[in-house]
Amino acid sequence: MELRHLRHFVAVAEELNFHRAATRLNMAQPPLSQSIRRLEDSLGVQLLDRSRRGVALTPAGAAFVDEARNALTHADLARKLARREAAESPEISVSFISSAMYGILPRLLSAFREQAPMIGMQLHEVPSPLQIAPILTGDRDIGFVSHNTRGLEEFETILVERSSLVAAIPAHWPLASRKAVTLADLAEQPFILPPRHDYTSGTDATIALFRRAGLIPHVTQSETHVSSTFAMVGAGLGCTLTTGVAAVTTPANVTFVPIVDSLLTAEWGIRMIWRNSQLSAAARQFVAFAQDKISDQV
């Protein structure tokens, strides 16, 4: 049994059609059929039921396909880790949400570079939910995500930054002149939120805050990137909630106003996530360094 046999079988199992599977694999159909036969012979079981009506998985095939996928995933991960460890110039791939760049991440990167100047850093700005899969598959080493991101059960995590939530309001709106606002004040105004398909956890958490207060925000604009959101706020298209650390930025025509609301006692935060079993020596060094730096800061 070879990995190529598993790859061929998974393609047929997913397509349930030899012609489509062969096209997907960029190979001719007869060699694909022969490969599946060899796999079945090596296992001593029939994986596919072939008939004039089409192709279907046998009970043995249905039991085998998930493990075949897992084997291919682990083999691909092993290849990535081996190549990464053997690289002449060690490099760490880090994904992050934009708000991580307001405070914690630049400080960590700068301090780590002083300690390990020979280790390169590849940085990728990615919404929290979309960081999960690349770390699981080994395409990224470490992520910095919103603390309320779902699906972190398979990761090691540590809270690296806490911050209050504030309102970002167009500077010419009357609300911008107040010392503080409430969720009720904001719910009456045009509101900007990230699209649900990009920032599911963040969007849902914001809407949940309003709902707990018996309110529904009047969402009129959707935008993924924080810089574009602030540009919309500055243009007077709406207001939004953001982290207190964002107040260190100075977007044009945007005023950051504290929110006084009992429902906002919980703090927003950033978590660093990783998987110990997949870390290269360089990534393991960065994780240890970051843990030591932030242990007494959050």
C-alpha atoms as a PDB file:
ATOM      1  CA  MET A   1       0.000   0.000   0.000  1.00  0.00           C
ATOM      2  CA  GLU A   2       1.503   3.321  -1.111  1.00  0.00           C
ATOM      3  CA  LEU A   3       0.455   6.892  -0.486  1.00  0.00           C
ATOM      4  CA  ARG A   4      -0.406   7.334  -4.151  1.00  0.00           C
ATOM      5  CA  HIS A   5      -2.860   4.456  -3.875  1.00  0.00           C
ATOM      6  CA  LEU A   6      -4.521   6.179  -0.932  1.00  0.00           C
ATOM      7  CA  ARG A   7      -4.622   9.458  -2.814  1.00  0.00           C
ATOM      8  CA  HIS A   8      -6.225   7.772  -5.813  1.00  0.00           C
ATOM      9  CA  PHE A   9      -8.800   5.985  -3.660  1.00  0.00           C
ATOM     10  CA  VAL A  10      -9.813   9.152  -1.773  1.00  0.00           C
ATOM     11  CA  ALA A  11     -10.361  10.978  -5.070  1.00  0.00           C
ATOM     12  CA  VAL A  12     -12.620   8.196  -6.382  1.00  0.00           C
ATOM     13  CA  ALA A  13     -14.424   7.932  -3.041  1.00  0.00           C
ATOM     14  CA  GLU A  14     -15.171  11.661  -3.078  1.00  0.00           C
ATOM     15  CA  GLU A  15     -16.137  11.864  -6.738  1.00  0.00           C
ATOM     16  CA  LEU A  16     -17.828   8.424  -6.969  1.00  0.00           C
ATOM     17  CA  ASN A  17     -16.869   8.572 -10.608  1.00  0.00           C
ATOM     18  CA  PHE A  18     -13.629   7.264 -12.130  1.00  0.00           C
ATOM     19  CA  HIS A  19     -13.606   9.751 -15.002  1.00  0.00           C
ATOM     20  CA  ARG A  20     -14.008  12.790 -12.744  1.00  0.00           C
ATOM     21  CA  ALA A  21     -11.469  11.416 -10.282  1.00  0.00           C
ATOM     22  CA  ALA A  22      -8.937  10.813 -13.081  1.00  0.00           C
ATOM     23  CA  THR A  23      -9.437  14.373 -14.331  1.00  0.00           C
ATOM     24  CA  ARG A  24      -8.981  15.709 -10.800  1.00  0.00           C
ATOM     25  CA  LEU A  25      -5.762  13.704 -10.415  1.00  0.00           C
ATOM     26  CA  ASN A  26      -4.547  14.689 -13.896  1.00  0.00           C
ATOM     27  CA  MET A  27      -4.116  11.061 -14.970  1.00  0.00           C
ATOM     28  CA  ALA A  28      -5.728   8.599 -17.358  1.00  0.00           C
ATOM     29  CA  GLN A  29      -8.612   6.459 -16.171  1.00  0.00           C
ATOM     30  CA  PRO A  30      -7.112   2.959 -16.803  1.00  0.00           C
ATOM     31  CA  PRO A  31      -4.056   3.537 -14.512  1.00  0.00           C
ATOM     32  CA  LEU A  32      -6.403   4.916 -11.856  1.00  0.00           C
ATOM     33  CA  SER A  33      -8.561   1.773 -12.000  1.00  0.00           C
ATOM     34  CA  GLN A  34      -5.442  -0.389 -11.778  1.00  0.00           C
ATOM     35  CA  SER A  35      -4.211   1.580  -8.753  1.00  0.00           C
ATOM     36  CA  ILE A  36      -7.496   1.013  -6.914  1.00  0.00           C
ATOM     37  CA  ARG A  37      -7.354  -2.713  -7.747  1.00  0.00           C
ATOM     38  CA  ARG A  38      -3.826  -2.940  -6.332  1.00  0.00           C
ATOM     39  CA  LEU A  39      -4.977  -1.234  -3.147  1.00  0.00           C
ATOM     40  CA  GLU A  40      -7.898  -3.613  -2.776  1.00  0.00           C
ATOM     41  CA  ASP A  41      -5.614  -6.593  -3.418  1.00  0.00           C
ATOM     42  CA  SER A  42      -3.134  -5.400  -0.793  1.00  0.00           C
ATOM     43  CA  LEU A  43      -5.920  -5.005   1.772  1.00  0.00           C
ATOM     44  CA  GLY A  44      -7.744  -8.153   0.795  1.00  0.00           C
ATOM     45  CA  VAL A  45     -11.113  -6.359   0.711  1.00  0.00           C
ATOM     46  CA  GLN A  46     -13.311  -4.673  -1.887  1.00  0.00           C
ATOM     47  CA  LEU A  47     -13.495  -0.939  -1.306  1.00  0.00           C
ATOM     48  CA  LEU A  48     -15.699   0.095  -4.218  1.00  0.00           C
ATOM     49  CA  ASP A  49     -18.845  -1.399  -5.679  1.00  0.00           C
ATOM     50  CA  ARG A  50     -18.671  -0.920  -9.443  1.00  0.00           C
ATOM     51  CA  SER A  51     -21.851  -1.351 -11.456  1.00  0.00           C
ATOM     52  CA  ARG A  52     -23.587   0.073 -14.501  1.00  0.00           C
ATOM     53  CA  ARG A  53     -25.414   2.447 -12.157  1.00  0.00           C
ATOM     54  CA  GLY A  54     -22.114   3.948 -11.039  1.00  0.00           C
ATOM     55  CA  VAL A  55     -19.580   3.679  -8.234  1.00  0.00           C
ATOM     56  CA  ALA A  56     -20.389   3.337  -4.530  1.00  0.00           C
ATOM     57  CA  LEU A  57     -18.376   2.702  -1.401  1.00  0.00           C
ATOM     58  CA  THR A  58     -18.675  -0.728   0.136  1.00  0.00           C
ATOM     59  CA  PRO A  59     -18.963  -0.886   3.955  1.00  0.00           C
ATOM     60  CA  ALA A  60     -15.218  -1.604   4.019  1.00  0.00           C
ATOM     61  CA  GLY A  61     -14.571   1.382   1.749  1.00  0.00           C
ATOM     62  CA  ALA A  62     -16.693   3.683   3.929  1.00  0.00           C
ATOM     63  CA  ALA A  63     -14.726   2.568   6.991  1.00  0.00           C
ATOM     64  CA  PHE A  64     -11.406   2.999   5.184  1.00  0.00           C
ATOM     65  CA  VAL A  65     -11.849   6.412   3.528  1.00  0.00           C
ATOM     66  CA  ASP A  66     -11.618   8.617   6.660  1.00  0.00           C
ATOM     67  CA  GLU A  67      -8.447   6.905   7.836  1.00  0.00           C
ATOM     68  CA  ALA A  68      -7.026   7.171   4.316  1.00  0.00           C
ATOM     69  CA  ARG A  69      -7.629  10.928   4.441  1.00  0.00           C
ATOM     70  CA  ASN A  70      -5.987  11.112   7.863  1.00  0.00           C
ATOM     71  CA  ALA A  71      -2.961   9.165   6.602  1.00  0.00           C
ATOM     72  CA  LEU A  72      -2.546  11.560   3.672  1.00  0.00           C
ATOM     73  CA  THR A  73      -2.900  14.570   5.971  1.00  0.00           C
ATOM     74  CA  HIS A  74      -0.279  13.241   8.390  1.00  0.00           C
ATOM     75  CA  ALA A  75       2.084  12.337   5.554  1.00  0.00           C
ATOM     76  CA  ASP A  76       1.784  15.845   4.130  1.00  0.00           C
ATOM     77  CA  LEU A  77       2.343  17.348   7.570  1.00  0.00           C
ATOM     78  CA  ALA A  78       5.426  15.158   8.109  1.00  0.00           C
ATOM     79  CA  ARG A  79       6.838  16.327   4.778  1.00  0.00           C
ATOM     80  CA  LYS A  80       6.324  19.993   5.694  1.00  0.00           C
ATOM     81  CA  LEU A  81       7.873  19.605   9.144  1.00  0.00           C
ATOM     82  CA  ALA A  82      10.886  17.721   7.815  1.00  0.00           C
ATOM     83  CA  ARG A  83      11.572  20.322   5.132  1.00  0.00           C
ATOM     84  CA  ARG A  84      11.125  23.148   7.609  1.00  0.00           C
ATOM     85  CA  GLU A  85      13.523  21.586  10.094  1.00  0.00           C
ATOM     86  CA  ALA A  86      16.115  20.918   7.385  1.00  0.00           C
ATOM     87  CA  ALA A  87      16.044  24.460   5.984  1.00  0.00           C
ATOM     88  CA  GLU A  88      19.402  26.225   6.093  1.00  0.00           C
ATOM     89  CA  SER A  89      17.728  29.454   7.239  1.00  0.00           C
ATOM     90  CA  PRO A  90      15.128  28.697   9.945  1.00  0.00           C
ATOM     91  CA  GLU A  91      11.848  30.542   9.512  1.00  0.00           C
ATOM     92  CA  ILE A  92       8.632  30.849  11.511  1.00  0.00           C
ATOM     93  CA  SER A  93       5.250  31.401   9.862  1.00  0.00           C
ATOM     94  CA  VAL A  94       2.917  33.526  11.991  1.00  0.00           C
ATOM     95  CA  SER A  95      -0.686  34.507  11.287  1.00  0.00           C
ATOM     96  CA  PHE A  96      -2.350  37.329  13.192  1.00  0.00           C
ATOM     97  CA  ILE A  97      -5.403  39.545  13.416  1.00  0.00           C
ATOM     98  CA  SER A  98      -4.792  43.199  12.668  1.00  0.00           C
ATOM     99  CA  SER A  99      -5.361  44.367  16.250  1.00  0.00           C
ATOM    100  CA  ALA A 100      -2.401  42.252  17.384  1.00  0.00           C
ATOM    101  CA  MET A 101      -0.201  44.742  15.531  1.00  0.00           C
ATOM    102  CA  TYR A 102      -1.321  47.606  17.768  1.00  0.00           C
ATOM    103  CA  GLY A 103       0.625  46.374  20.747  1.00  0.00           C
ATOM    104  CA  ILE A 104       1.712  42.873  21.685  1.00  0.00           C
ATOM    105  CA  LEU A 105       2.994  41.404  18.404  1.00  0.00           C
ATOM    106  CA  PRO A 106       5.432  44.181  17.385  1.00  0.00           C
ATOM    107  CA  ARG A 107       6.916  44.123  20.899  1.00  0.00           C
ATOM    108  CA  LEU A 108       7.385  40.342  20.796  1.00  0.00           C
ATOM    109  CA  LEU A 109       8.863  40.364  17.295  1.00  0.00           C
ATOM    110  CA  SER A 110      11.299  43.157  18.075  1.00  0.00           C
ATOM    111  CA  ALA A 111      12.527  41.555  21.297  1.00  0.00           C
ATOM    112  CA  PHE A 112      12.776  38.098  19.711  1.00  0.00           C
ATOM    113  CA  ARG A 113      14.809  39.415  16.782  1.00  0.00           C
ATOM    114  CA  GLU A 114      17.374  40.782  19.240  1.00  0.00           C
ATOM    115  CA  GLN A 115      17.658  37.356  20.848  1.00  0.00           C
ATOM    116  CA  ALA A 116      17.522  35.262  17.639  1.00  0.00           C
ATOM    117  CA  PRO A 117      18.521  37.451  14.662  1.00  0.00           C
ATOM    118  CA  MET A 118      19.102  34.435  12.373  1.00  0.00           C
ATOM    119  CA  ILE A 119      15.484  33.241  12.559  1.00  0.00           C
ATOM    120  CA  GLY A 120      13.240  34.708   9.863  1.00  0.00           C
ATOM    121  CA  MET A 121       9.569  35.573  10.388  1.00  0.00           C
ATOM    122  CA  GLN A 122       6.822  35.210   7.768  1.00  0.00           C
ATOM    123  CA  LEU A 123       3.793  37.279   8.805  1.00  0.00           C
ATOM    124  CA  HIS A 124       0.257  36.853   7.450  1.00  0.00           C
ATOM    125  CA  GLU A 125      -2.737  38.988   8.465  1.00  0.00           C
ATOM    126  CA  VAL A 126      -5.705  36.592   8.597  1.00  0.00           C
ATOM    127  CA  PRO A 127      -9.140  36.695  10.328  1.00  0.00           C
ATOM    128  CA  SER A 128      -9.268  34.551  13.462  1.00  0.00           C
ATOM    129  CA  PRO A 129     -11.469  31.688  12.159  1.00  0.00           C
ATOM    130  CA  LEU A 130      -9.374  31.354   9.011  1.00  0.00           C
ATOM    131  CA  GLN A 131      -6.170  30.805  11.015  1.00  0.00           C
ATOM    132  CA  ILE A 132      -7.306  27.435  12.384  1.00  0.00           C
ATOM    133  CA  ALA A 133      -6.946  25.159   9.345  1.00  0.00           C
ATOM    134  CA  PRO A 134      -3.475  26.361   8.190  1.00  0.00           C
ATOM    135  CA  ILE A 135      -2.014  25.691  11.640  1.00  0.00           C
ATOM    136  CA  LEU A 136      -3.626  22.250  11.794  1.00  0.00           C
ATOM    137  CA  THR A 137      -2.171  21.364   8.376  1.00  0.00           C
ATOM    138  CA  GLY A 138       1.282  22.731   9.191  1.00  0.00           C
ATOM    139  CA  ASP A 139       1.170  25.652   6.758  1.00  0.00           C
ATOM    140  CA  ARG A 140       1.455  28.066   9.690  1.00  0.00           C
ATOM    141  CA  ASP A 141       3.321  27.636  12.971  1.00  0.00           C
ATOM    142  CA  ILE A 142       1.683  30.115  15.335  1.00  0.00           C
ATOM    143  CA  GLY A 143      -1.437  32.254  15.342  1.00  0.00           C
ATOM    144  CA  PHE A 144      -2.675  35.322  17.197  1.00  0.00           C
ATOM    145  CA  VAL A 145      -6.472  35.217  17.344  1.00  0.00           C
ATOM    146  CA  SER A 146      -9.359  36.841  19.173  1.00  0.00           C
ATOM    147  CA  HIS A 147      -9.825  35.232  22.587  1.00  0.00           C
ATOM    148  CA  ASN A 148     -13.415  34.165  21.770  1.00  0.00           C
ATOM    149  CA  THR A 149     -12.468  32.265  18.603  1.00  0.00           C
ATOM    150  CA  ARG A 150     -14.159  28.875  18.416  1.00  0.00           C
ATOM    151  CA  GLY A 151     -12.398  25.601  17.591  1.00  0.00           C
ATOM    152  CA  LEU A 152      -9.279  26.017  19.753  1.00  0.00           C
ATOM    153  CA  GLU A 153      -9.654  22.673  21.560  1.00  0.00           C
ATOM    154  CA  GLU A 154      -6.811  21.081  19.566  1.00  0.00           C
ATOM    155  CA  PHE A 155      -4.347  23.887  20.321  1.00  0.00           C
ATOM    156  CA  GLU A 156      -2.131  25.041  23.125  1.00  0.00           C
ATOM    157  CA  THR A 157      -3.108  28.644  23.888  1.00  0.00           C
ATOM    158  CA  ILE A 158      -2.090  31.515  26.110  1.00  0.00           C
ATOM    159  CA  LEU A 159      -3.756  34.892  26.616  1.00  0.00           C
ATOM    160  CA  VAL A 160      -1.229  37.505  25.486  1.00  0.00           C
ATOM    161  CA  GLU A 161      -3.185  40.749  25.666  1.00  0.00           C
ATOM    162  CA  ARG A 162      -6.267  42.179  27.367  1.00  0.00           C
ATOM    163  CA  SER A 163      -8.096  45.330  26.389  1.00  0.00           C
ATOM    164  CA  SER A 164     -11.380  47.110  26.974  1.00  0.00           C
ATOM    165  CA  LEU A 165     -13.828  47.749  24.145  1.00  0.00           C
ATOM    166  CA  VAL A 166     -14.400  51.311  22.902  1.00  0.00           C
ATOM    167  CA  ALA A 167     -16.594  52.925  20.305  1.00  0.00           C
ATOM    168  CA  ALA A 168     -15.052  54.289  17.089  1.00  0.00           C
ATOM    169  CA  ILE A 169     -17.269  57.203  16.061  1.00  0.00           C
ATOM    170  CA  PRO A 170     -17.069  59.753  13.205  1.00  0.00           C
ATOM    171  CA  ALA A 171     -15.457  62.849  14.678  1.00  0.00           C
ATOM    172  CA  HIS A 172     -18.254  65.154  13.437  1.00  0.00           C
ATOM    173  CA  TRP A 173     -21.080  63.158  15.060  1.00  0.00           C
ATOM    174  CA  PRO A 174     -22.529  64.623  18.281  1.00  0.00           C
ATOM    175  CA  LEU A 175     -21.733  61.333  20.068  1.00  0.00           C
ATOM    176  CA  ALA A 176     -18.019  61.963  19.496  1.00  0.00           C
ATOM    177  CA  SER A 177     -18.070  64.925  21.871  1.00  0.00           C
ATOM    178  CA  ARG A 178     -19.318  62.848  24.797  1.00  0.00           C
ATOM    179  CA  LYS A 179     -17.054  61.534  27.529  1.00  0.00           C
ATOM    180  CA  ALA A 180     -18.712  58.119  27.241  1.00  0.00           C
ATOM    181  CA  VAL A 181     -21.513  56.352  25.348  1.00  0.00           C
ATOM    182  CA  THR A 182     -23.743  53.308  25.888  1.00  0.00           C
ATOM    183  CA  LEU A 183     -24.705  50.389  23.674  1.00  0.00           C
ATOM    184  CA  ALA A 184     -28.152  51.951  23.374  1.00  0.00           C
ATOM    185  CA  ASP A 185     -26.560  55.118  21.956  1.00  0.00           C
ATOM    186  CA  LEU A 186     -24.653  53.095  19.364  1.00  0.00           C
ATOM    187  CA  ALA A 187     -27.607  50.888  18.394  1.00  0.00           C
ATOM    188  CA  GLU A 188     -29.433  53.960  17.126  1.00  0.00           C
ATOM    189  CA  GLN A 189     -26.635  54.798  14.666  1.00  0.00           C
ATOM    190  CA  PRO A 190     -25.481  53.213  11.378  1.00  0.00           C
ATOM    191  CA  PHE A 191     -23.157  50.387  12.411  1.00  0.00           C
ATOM    192  CA  ILE A 192     -20.205  48.693  10.685  1.00  0.00           C
ATOM    193  CA  LEU A 193     -19.413  45.013  11.289  1.00  0.00           C
ATOM    194  CA  PRO A 194     -17.138  42.467   9.637  1.00  0.00           C
ATOM    195  CA  PRO A 195     -18.858  39.976   7.293  1.00  0.00           C
ATOM    196  CA  ARG A 196     -20.092  36.902   9.178  1.00  0.00           C
ATOM    197  CA  HIS A 197     -18.257  34.490   6.838  1.00  0.00           C
ATOM    198  CA  ASP A 198     -14.879  36.091   7.646  1.00  0.00           C
ATOM    199  CA  TYR A 199     -15.152  37.002  11.321  1.00  0.00           C
ATOM    200  CA  THR A 200     -17.855  34.662  12.576  1.00  0.00           C
ATOM    201  CA  SER A 201     -16.744  34.700  16.209  1.00  0.00           C
ATOM    202  CA  GLY A 202     -16.080  38.439  16.380  1.00  0.00           C
ATOM    203  CA  THR A 203     -19.278  39.391  14.597  1.00  0.00           C
ATOM    204  CA  ASP A 204     -21.396  37.054  16.683  1.00  0.00           C
ATOM    205  CA  ALA A 205     -19.785  38.289  19.907  1.00  0.00           C
ATOM    206  CA  THR A 206     -20.576  41.922  19.031  1.00  0.00           C
ATOM    207  CA  ILE A 207     -24.175  41.151  18.123  1.00  0.00           C
ATOM    208  CA  ALA A 208     -24.505  39.065  21.307  1.00  0.00           C
ATOM    209  CA  LEU A 209     -23.484  42.093  23.410  1.00  0.00           C
ATOM    210  CA  PHE A 210     -26.296  44.158  21.929  1.00  0.00           C
ATOM    211  CA  ARG A 211     -28.821  41.335  22.258  1.00  0.00           C
ATOM    212  CA  ARG A 212     -28.034  40.875  25.951  1.00  0.00           C
ATOM    213  CA  ALA A 213     -28.992  44.526  26.349  1.00  0.00           C
ATOM    214  CA  GLY A 214     -32.208  43.916  24.399  1.00  0.00           C
ATOM    215  CA  LEU A 215     -30.840  45.806  21.402  1.00  0.00           C
ATOM    216  CA  ILE A 216     -30.152  45.103  17.734  1.00  0.00           C
ATOM    217  CA  PRO A 217     -27.443  47.171  15.993  1.00  0.00           C
ATOM    218  CA  HIS A 218     -28.444  48.878  12.755  1.00  0.00           C
ATOM    219  CA  VAL A 219     -25.770  47.292  10.535  1.00  0.00           C
ATOM    220  CA  THR A 220     -25.396  49.219   7.287  1.00  0.00           C
ATOM    221  CA  GLN A 221     -21.844  48.309   6.183  1.00  0.00           C
ATOM    222  CA  SER A 222     -19.633  45.200   6.232  1.00  0.00           C
ATOM    223  CA  GLU A 223     -15.851  45.330   6.137  1.00  0.00           C
ATOM    224  CA  THR A 224     -13.145  42.824   7.065  1.00  0.00           C
ATOM    225  CA  HIS A 225     -10.013  44.926   7.563  1.00  0.00           C
ATOM    226  CA  VAL A 226      -9.753  47.284  10.511  1.00  0.00           C
ATOM    227  CA  SER A 227      -8.015  50.026   8.503  1.00  0.00           C
ATOM    228  CA  SER A 228     -10.850  50.037   5.955  1.00  0.00           C
ATOM    229  CA  THR A 229     -13.421  50.012   8.747  1.00  0.00           C
ATOM    230  CA  PHE A 230     -11.805  53.070  10.319  1.00  0.00           C
ATOM    231  CA  ALA A 231     -11.777  54.758   6.899  1.00  0.00           C
ATOM    232  CA  MET A 232     -15.530  54.155   6.673  1.00  0.00           C
ATOM    233  CA  VAL A 233     -16.023  55.548  10.170  1.00  0.00           C
ATOM    234  CA  GLY A 234     -13.942  58.604   9.260  1.00  0.00           C
ATOM    235  CA  ALA A 235     -16.110  59.104   6.182  1.00  0.00           C
ATOM    236  CA  GLY A 236     -19.192  59.196   8.387  1.00  0.00           C
ATOM    237  CA  LEU A 237     -20.655  55.909   7.132  1.00  0.00           C
ATOM    238  CA  GLY A 238     -21.143  54.466  10.585  1.00  0.00           C
ATOM    239  CA  CYS A 239     -19.658  53.634  13.962  1.00  0.00           C
ATOM    240  CA  THR A 240     -18.233  50.376  15.327  1.00  0.00           C
ATOM    241  CA  LEU A 241     -16.816  48.650  18.380  1.00  0.00           C
ATOM    242  CA  THR A 242     -13.087  48.160  18.564  1.00  0.00           C
ATOM    243  CA  THR A 243     -10.411  47.368  21.109  1.00  0.00           C
ATOM    244  CA  GLY A 244      -8.968  49.938  23.451  1.00  0.00           C
ATOM    245  CA  VAL A 245      -5.506  49.274  22.062  1.00  0.00           C
ATOM    246  CA  ALA A 246      -6.762  50.579  18.699  1.00  0.00           C
ATOM    247  CA  ALA A 247      -6.953  54.022  20.292  1.00  0.00           C
ATOM    248  CA  VAL A 248      -3.172  54.260  19.902  1.00  0.00           C
ATOM    249  CA  THR A 249      -3.799  54.698  16.176  1.00  0.00           C
ATOM    250  CA  THR A 250      -4.861  58.041  14.748  1.00  0.00           C
ATOM    251  CA  PRO A 251      -7.238  57.372  11.837  1.00  0.00           C
ATOM    252  CA  ALA A 252      -8.501  60.552  10.231  1.00  0.00           C
ATOM    253  CA  ASN A 253     -11.828  61.918  11.489  1.00  0.00           C
ATOM    254  CA  VAL A 254     -12.328  59.073  13.998  1.00  0.00           C
ATOM    255  CA  THR A 255     -12.874  59.583  17.721  1.00  0.00           C
ATOM    256  CA  PHE A 256     -12.546  56.727  20.216  1.00  0.00           C
ATOM    257  CA  VAL A 257     -15.060  57.016  23.061  1.00  0.00           C
ATOM    258  CA  PRO A 258     -15.268  54.773  26.166  1.00  0.00           C
ATOM    259  CA  ILE A 259     -18.407  52.673  26.587  1.00  0.00           C
ATOM    260  CA  VAL A 260     -20.153  52.713  29.976  1.00  0.00           C
ATOM    261  CA  ASP A 261     -22.335  49.634  30.055  1.00  0.00           C
ATOM    262  CA  SER A 262     -22.556  46.887  32.654  1.00  0.00           C
ATOM    263  CA  LEU A 263     -22.562  44.292  29.873  1.00  0.00           C
ATOM    264  CA  LEU A 264     -19.062  45.304  28.838  1.00  0.00           C
ATOM    265  CA  THR A 265     -17.330  44.339  32.078  1.00  0.00           C
ATOM    266  CA  ALA A 266     -15.709  41.393  30.256  1.00  0.00           C
ATOM    267  CA  GLU A 267     -12.475  42.292  28.526  1.00  0.00           C
ATOM    268  CA  TRP A 268     -11.541  41.577  24.946  1.00  0.00           C
ATOM    269  CA  GLY A 269      -8.280  39.701  24.432  1.00  0.00           C
ATOM    270  CA  ILE A 270      -5.813  38.095  22.052  1.00  0.00           C
ATOM    271  CA  ARG A 271      -4.632  34.492  22.331  1.00  0.00           C
ATOM    272  CA  MET A 272      -1.484  32.984  20.877  1.00  0.00           C
ATOM    273  CA  ILE A 273      -2.217  29.478  19.585  1.00  0.00           C
ATOM    274  CA  TRP A 274       0.042  26.638  18.413  1.00  0.00           C
ATOM    275  CA  ARG A 275       0.431  22.847  18.419  1.00  0.00           C
ATOM    276  CA  ASN A 276       3.449  21.531  20.319  1.00  0.00           C
ATOM    277  CA  SER A 277       3.703  18.382  18.204  1.00  0.00           C
ATOM    278  CA  GLN A 278       4.153  20.420  15.027  1.00  0.00           C
ATOM    279  CA  LEU A 279       6.612  23.076  16.132  1.00  0.00           C
ATOM    280  CA  SER A 280      10.030  23.323  14.540  1.00  0.00           C
ATOM    281  CA  ALA A 281      12.972  24.107  16.801  1.00  0.00           C
ATOM    282  CA  ALA A 282      12.771  27.762  15.767  1.00  0.00           C
ATOM    283  CA  ALA A 283       9.018  27.994  16.414  1.00  0.00           C
ATOM    284  CA  ARG A 284       9.445  26.231  19.755  1.00  0.00           C
ATOM    285  CA  GLN A 285      12.051  28.812  20.706  1.00  0.00           C
ATOM    286  CA  PHE A 286       9.651  31.651  19.843  1.00  0.00           C
ATOM    287  CA  VAL A 287       6.793  30.099  21.826  1.00  0.00           C
ATOM    288  CA  ALA A 288       9.005  29.684  24.901  1.00  0.00           C
ATOM    289  CA  PHE A 289      10.257  33.243  24.500  1.00  0.00           C
ATOM    290  CA  ALA A 290       6.717  34.650  24.173  1.00  0.00           C
ATOM    291  CA  GLN A 291       5.443  32.692  27.162  1.00  0.00           C
ATOM    292  CA  ASP A 292       8.252  34.030  29.301  1.00  0.00           C
ATOM    293  CA  LYS A 293       7.703  37.621  28.142  1.00  0.00           C
ATOM    294  CA  ILE A 294       3.965  37.738  28.707  1.00  0.00           C
ATOM    295  CA  SER A 295       3.643  35.530  31.811  1.00  0.00           C
ATOM    296  CA  ASP A 296       3.512  38.528  34.136  1.00  0.00           C
ATOM    297  CA  GLN A 297       1.872  41.016  31.778  1.00  0.00           C
ATOM    298  CA  VAL A 298      -1.689  39.712  31.320  1.00  0.00           C
END
